Amino acid sequence: MFVTREFVFDSAHYLTDYYGKCERMHGHTYKLAVTLEGKVQSNGLLIDFVVLKRIVKRHVLDKIDHQILNDIVKNPSAERIVVWIWKQLKDLKKLMKDELNDPNLGKEIKACLKKSDQKGKLGKFEFDKNLRLHELKLWETPNTFITYRGV
């Protein structure tokens, strides 16, 4: 099964290996679609959207929103930006474990994500061990986007 969540961020860039108006500094309101693939767990979820949002915010949006992308990605074309984003999110299992162990994650969310044992105590976090990043789509404008599925 696939789960997708969309995000929006604003950034500026200029293309260094390009001749035309895009070689000058300009900005975009980007839209990013993050698609995960995995199995639905006994709690009925593939992933909690709150957890996915926290992962993307921490590892991508906090680094590039309202930034000059040239300071982060060399010659930041949409193609190179989406590859950079993929690299930030590709180790999804580790990012999930880190997020689920974050003491700032709400107790209610943690309770929903953990299995209960026979005594009603919360056990290990439940998520598909094969959960993986499937695809990214990055819109630079409302009509142009890049689709990337890793290498």
C-alpha atoms as a PDB file:
ATOM      1  CA  MET A   1       0.000   0.000   0.000  1.00  0.00           C
ATOM      2  CA  PHE A   2       1.114   3.572  -0.609  1.00  0.00           C
ATOM      3  CA  VAL A   3       0.644   6.611   1.620  1.00  0.00           C
ATOM      4  CA  THR A   4       1.372  10.139   0.399  1.00  0.00           C
ATOM      5  CA  ARG A   5       1.554  13.438   2.237  1.00  0.00           C
ATOM      6  CA  GLU A   6       2.110  16.816   0.604  1.00  0.00           C
ATOM      7  CA  PHE A   7       4.137  19.724   1.973  1.00  0.00           C
ATOM      8  CA  VAL A   8       4.718  23.300   0.816  1.00  0.00           C
ATOM      9  CA  PHE A   9       7.829  25.418   1.312  1.00  0.00           C
ATOM     10  CA  ASP A  10       9.307  28.619  -0.071  1.00  0.00           C
ATOM     11  CA  SER A  11      12.919  28.947  -1.181  1.00  0.00           C
ATOM     12  CA  ALA A  12      15.098  30.979  -3.499  1.00  0.00           C
ATOM     13  CA  HIS A  13      17.798  29.840  -5.895  1.00  0.00           C
ATOM     14  CA  TYR A  14      19.674  30.636  -9.059  1.00  0.00           C
ATOM     15  CA  LEU A  15      21.053  28.218 -11.616  1.00  0.00           C
ATOM     16  CA  THR A  16      24.797  28.499 -12.125  1.00  0.00           C
ATOM     17  CA  ASP A  17      25.076  26.260 -15.219  1.00  0.00           C
ATOM     18  CA  TYR A  18      22.204  27.865 -17.078  1.00  0.00           C
ATOM     19  CA  TYR A  19      21.865  30.815 -19.394  1.00  0.00           C
ATOM     20  CA  GLY A  20      18.602  32.703 -19.197  1.00  0.00           C
ATOM     21  CA  LYS A  21      16.456  34.405 -16.609  1.00  0.00           C
ATOM     22  CA  CYS A  22      16.799  31.496 -14.135  1.00  0.00           C
ATOM     23  CA  GLU A  23      20.490  32.283 -13.718  1.00  0.00           C
ATOM     24  CA  ARG A  24      19.339  35.258 -11.599  1.00  0.00           C
ATOM     25  CA  MET A  25      18.146  34.829  -8.030  1.00  0.00           C
ATOM     26  CA  HIS A  26      14.434  34.016  -7.901  1.00  0.00           C
ATOM     27  CA  GLY A  27      12.044  32.183  -5.630  1.00  0.00           C
ATOM     28  CA  HIS A  28       9.411  29.479  -5.766  1.00  0.00           C
ATOM     29  CA  THR A  29       6.654  28.117  -3.619  1.00  0.00           C
ATOM     30  CA  TYR A  30       7.511  24.437  -3.936  1.00  0.00           C
ATOM     31  CA  LYS A  31       5.146  21.556  -3.318  1.00  0.00           C
ATOM     32  CA  LEU A  32       6.624  18.237  -2.193  1.00  0.00           C
ATOM     33  CA  ALA A  33       4.750  14.914  -2.208  1.00  0.00           C
ATOM     34  CA  VAL A  34       6.360  12.157  -0.128  1.00  0.00           C
ATOM     35  CA  THR A  35       5.072   8.640  -0.852  1.00  0.00           C
ATOM     36  CA  LEU A  36       5.846   5.661   1.388  1.00  0.00           C
ATOM     37  CA  GLU A  37       5.224   1.991   0.683  1.00  0.00           C
ATOM     38  CA  GLY A  38       4.510  -0.676   3.273  1.00  0.00           C
ATOM     39  CA  LYS A  39       1.944  -2.897   4.926  1.00  0.00           C
ATOM     40  CA  VAL A  40      -0.941  -1.721   7.057  1.00  0.00           C
ATOM     41  CA  GLN A  41      -0.303  -2.621  10.701  1.00  0.00           C
ATOM     42  CA  SER A  42      -2.807  -4.011  13.213  1.00  0.00           C
ATOM     43  CA  ASN A  43      -3.548  -0.430  14.321  1.00  0.00           C
ATOM     44  CA  GLY A  44      -4.945   0.209  10.810  1.00  0.00           C
ATOM     45  CA  LEU A  45      -2.123   2.536   9.798  1.00  0.00           C
ATOM     46  CA  LEU A  46       0.822   2.264   7.468  1.00  0.00           C
ATOM     47  CA  ILE A  47       2.290   5.325   9.220  1.00  0.00           C
ATOM     48  CA  ASP A  48       0.760   8.025  11.374  1.00  0.00           C
ATOM     49  CA  PHE A  49       0.612  11.215   9.291  1.00  0.00           C
ATOM     50  CA  VAL A  50       1.768  13.199  12.329  1.00  0.00           C
ATOM     51  CA  VAL A  51       4.962  11.142  12.504  1.00  0.00           C
ATOM     52  CA  LEU A  52       5.559  11.491   8.760  1.00  0.00           C
ATOM     53  CA  LYS A  53       5.046  15.249   9.027  1.00  0.00           C
ATOM     54  CA  ARG A  54       7.523  15.487  11.909  1.00  0.00           C
ATOM     55  CA  ILE A  55      10.155  13.489   9.990  1.00  0.00           C
ATOM     56  CA  VAL A  56       9.853  15.593   6.831  1.00  0.00           C
ATOM     57  CA  LYS A  57       9.777  18.828   8.799  1.00  0.00           C
ATOM     58  CA  ARG A  58      12.856  17.957  10.855  1.00  0.00           C
ATOM     59  CA  HIS A  59      14.987  16.463   8.098  1.00  0.00           C
ATOM     60  CA  VAL A  60      13.917  18.517   5.073  1.00  0.00           C
ATOM     61  CA  LEU A  61      11.702  21.549   5.622  1.00  0.00           C
ATOM     62  CA  ASP A  62      13.594  22.983   8.594  1.00  0.00           C
ATOM     63  CA  LYS A  63      16.721  22.972   6.400  1.00  0.00           C
ATOM     64  CA  ILE A  64      15.338  24.431   3.163  1.00  0.00           C
ATOM     65  CA  ASP A  65      12.217  26.483   3.898  1.00  0.00           C
ATOM     66  CA  HIS A  66      12.923  30.225   3.369  1.00  0.00           C
ATOM     67  CA  GLN A  67      16.532  29.477   2.481  1.00  0.00           C
ATOM     68  CA  ILE A  68      18.775  30.140  -0.489  1.00  0.00           C
ATOM     69  CA  LEU A  69      19.074  26.654  -1.938  1.00  0.00           C
ATOM     70  CA  ASN A  70      22.481  27.396  -3.483  1.00  0.00           C
ATOM     71  CA  ASP A  71      23.862  27.324   0.071  1.00  0.00           C
ATOM     72  CA  ILE A  72      22.642  23.719   0.406  1.00  0.00           C
ATOM     73  CA  VAL A  73      22.638  22.122  -3.075  1.00  0.00           C
ATOM     74  CA  LYS A  74      25.161  22.787  -5.838  1.00  0.00           C
ATOM     75  CA  ASN A  75      23.422  24.355  -8.865  1.00  0.00           C
ATOM     76  CA  PRO A  76      19.994  23.629  -7.328  1.00  0.00           C
ATOM     77  CA  SER A  77      17.804  22.608 -10.233  1.00  0.00           C
ATOM     78  CA  ALA A  78      14.575  20.856  -9.287  1.00  0.00           C
ATOM     79  CA  GLU A  79      16.244  17.594 -10.294  1.00  0.00           C
ATOM     80  CA  ARG A  80      19.115  18.128  -7.858  1.00  0.00           C
ATOM     81  CA  ILE A  81      16.865  19.396  -5.077  1.00  0.00           C
ATOM     82  CA  VAL A  82      14.680  16.274  -5.186  1.00  0.00           C
ATOM     83  CA  VAL A  83      17.785  14.038  -5.044  1.00  0.00           C
ATOM     84  CA  TRP A  84      18.982  15.990  -1.986  1.00  0.00           C
ATOM     85  CA  ILE A  85      15.577  15.513  -0.336  1.00  0.00           C
ATOM     86  CA  TRP A  86      15.683  11.778  -1.099  1.00  0.00           C
ATOM     87  CA  LYS A  87      19.067  11.493   0.616  1.00  0.00           C
ATOM     88  CA  GLN A  88      17.635  13.170   3.731  1.00  0.00           C
ATOM     89  CA  LEU A  89      14.726  10.701   3.940  1.00  0.00           C
ATOM     90  CA  LYS A  90      16.060   7.440   2.463  1.00  0.00           C
ATOM     91  CA  ASP A  91      16.980   5.833   5.809  1.00  0.00           C
ATOM     92  CA  LEU A  92      13.333   5.841   6.823  1.00  0.00           C
ATOM     93  CA  LYS A  93      13.600   3.031   9.385  1.00  0.00           C
ATOM     94  CA  LYS A  94      16.215   4.929  11.368  1.00  0.00           C
ATOM     95  CA  LEU A  95      14.256   8.188  11.084  1.00  0.00           C
ATOM     96  CA  MET A  96      11.101   6.391  12.292  1.00  0.00           C
ATOM     97  CA  LYS A  97      12.876   4.897  15.290  1.00  0.00           C
ATOM     98  CA  ASP A  98      14.429   8.242  16.189  1.00  0.00           C
ATOM     99  CA  GLU A  99      11.070   9.987  15.899  1.00  0.00           C
ATOM    100  CA  LEU A 100       9.177   7.382  17.906  1.00  0.00           C
ATOM    101  CA  ASN A 101      11.773   7.592  20.689  1.00  0.00           C
ATOM    102  CA  ASP A 102      11.618  11.403  20.800  1.00  0.00           C
ATOM    103  CA  PRO A 103      10.389  12.402  24.280  1.00  0.00           C
ATOM    104  CA  ASN A 104       8.585  15.379  22.704  1.00  0.00           C
ATOM    105  CA  LEU A 105       6.293  13.149  20.658  1.00  0.00           C
ATOM    106  CA  GLY A 106       2.885  13.291  22.320  1.00  0.00           C
ATOM    107  CA  LYS A 107       1.903  10.457  24.665  1.00  0.00           C
ATOM    108  CA  GLU A 108      -1.359   9.934  22.780  1.00  0.00           C
ATOM    109  CA  ILE A 109       0.464   9.388  19.503  1.00  0.00           C
ATOM    110  CA  LYS A 110       2.962   7.049  21.151  1.00  0.00           C
ATOM    111  CA  ALA A 111       0.103   5.058  22.672  1.00  0.00           C
ATOM    112  CA  CYS A 112      -1.525   4.657  19.256  1.00  0.00           C
ATOM    113  CA  LEU A 113       1.733   3.482  17.742  1.00  0.00           C
ATOM    114  CA  LYS A 114       2.615   0.926  20.398  1.00  0.00           C
ATOM    115  CA  LYS A 115       1.211  -2.542  20.863  1.00  0.00           C
ATOM    116  CA  SER A 116      -0.240  -3.376  24.249  1.00  0.00           C
ATOM    117  CA  ASP A 117       0.738  -6.566  25.994  1.00  0.00           C
ATOM    118  CA  GLN A 118      -1.665  -8.766  28.023  1.00  0.00           C
ATOM    119  CA  LYS A 119      -1.174  -6.599  31.119  1.00  0.00           C
ATOM    120  CA  GLY A 120      -2.123  -3.441  29.223  1.00  0.00           C
ATOM    121  CA  LYS A 121       1.428  -2.118  29.281  1.00  0.00           C
ATOM    122  CA  LEU A 122       2.745  -0.505  26.155  1.00  0.00           C
ATOM    123  CA  GLY A 123       5.222  -2.626  24.251  1.00  0.00           C
ATOM    124  CA  LYS A 124       7.433  -1.950  21.294  1.00  0.00           C
ATOM    125  CA  PHE A 125       6.473   0.561  18.653  1.00  0.00           C
ATOM    126  CA  GLU A 126       4.597  -1.003  15.797  1.00  0.00           C
ATOM    127  CA  PHE A 127       5.553  -0.115  12.264  1.00  0.00           C
ATOM    128  CA  ASP A 128       6.205  -2.134   9.154  1.00  0.00           C
ATOM    129  CA  LYS A 129       9.876  -3.116   9.119  1.00  0.00           C
ATOM    130  CA  ASN A 130       9.693  -2.978   5.323  1.00  0.00           C
ATOM    131  CA  LEU A 131       8.270   0.547   5.273  1.00  0.00           C
ATOM    132  CA  ARG A 132      10.236   2.436   2.671  1.00  0.00           C
ATOM    133  CA  LEU A 133      10.426   5.668   0.787  1.00  0.00           C
ATOM    134  CA  HIS A 134       8.797   4.938  -2.565  1.00  0.00           C
ATOM    135  CA  GLU A 135       8.643   8.222  -4.449  1.00  0.00           C
ATOM    136  CA  LEU A 136       9.089  11.969  -4.230  1.00  0.00           C
ATOM    137  CA  LYS A 137       7.402  14.548  -6.411  1.00  0.00           C
ATOM    138  CA  LEU A 138       8.635  18.111  -6.332  1.00  0.00           C
ATOM    139  CA  TRP A 139       6.668  20.891  -8.007  1.00  0.00           C
ATOM    140  CA  GLU A 140       8.678  24.000  -8.794  1.00  0.00           C
ATOM    141  CA  THR A 141       5.619  25.673 -10.317  1.00  0.00           C
ATOM    142  CA  PRO A 142       1.963  24.593 -10.426  1.00  0.00           C
ATOM    143  CA  ASN A 143       2.604  23.060 -13.881  1.00  0.00           C
ATOM    144  CA  THR A 144       6.103  21.578 -13.637  1.00  0.00           C
ATOM    145  CA  PHE A 145       7.357  18.823 -11.361  1.00  0.00           C
ATOM    146  CA  ILE A 146      10.007  16.144 -10.970  1.00  0.00           C
ATOM    147  CA  THR A 147       9.252  12.537  -9.998  1.00  0.00           C
ATOM    148  CA  TYR A 148      12.081  10.628  -8.314  1.00  0.00           C
ATOM    149  CA  ARG A 149      12.227   7.057  -7.024  1.00  0.00           C
ATOM    150  CA  GLY A 150      15.807   6.858  -5.873  1.00  0.00           C
ATOM    151  CA  VAL A 151      18.557   4.943  -7.580  1.00  0.00           C
END
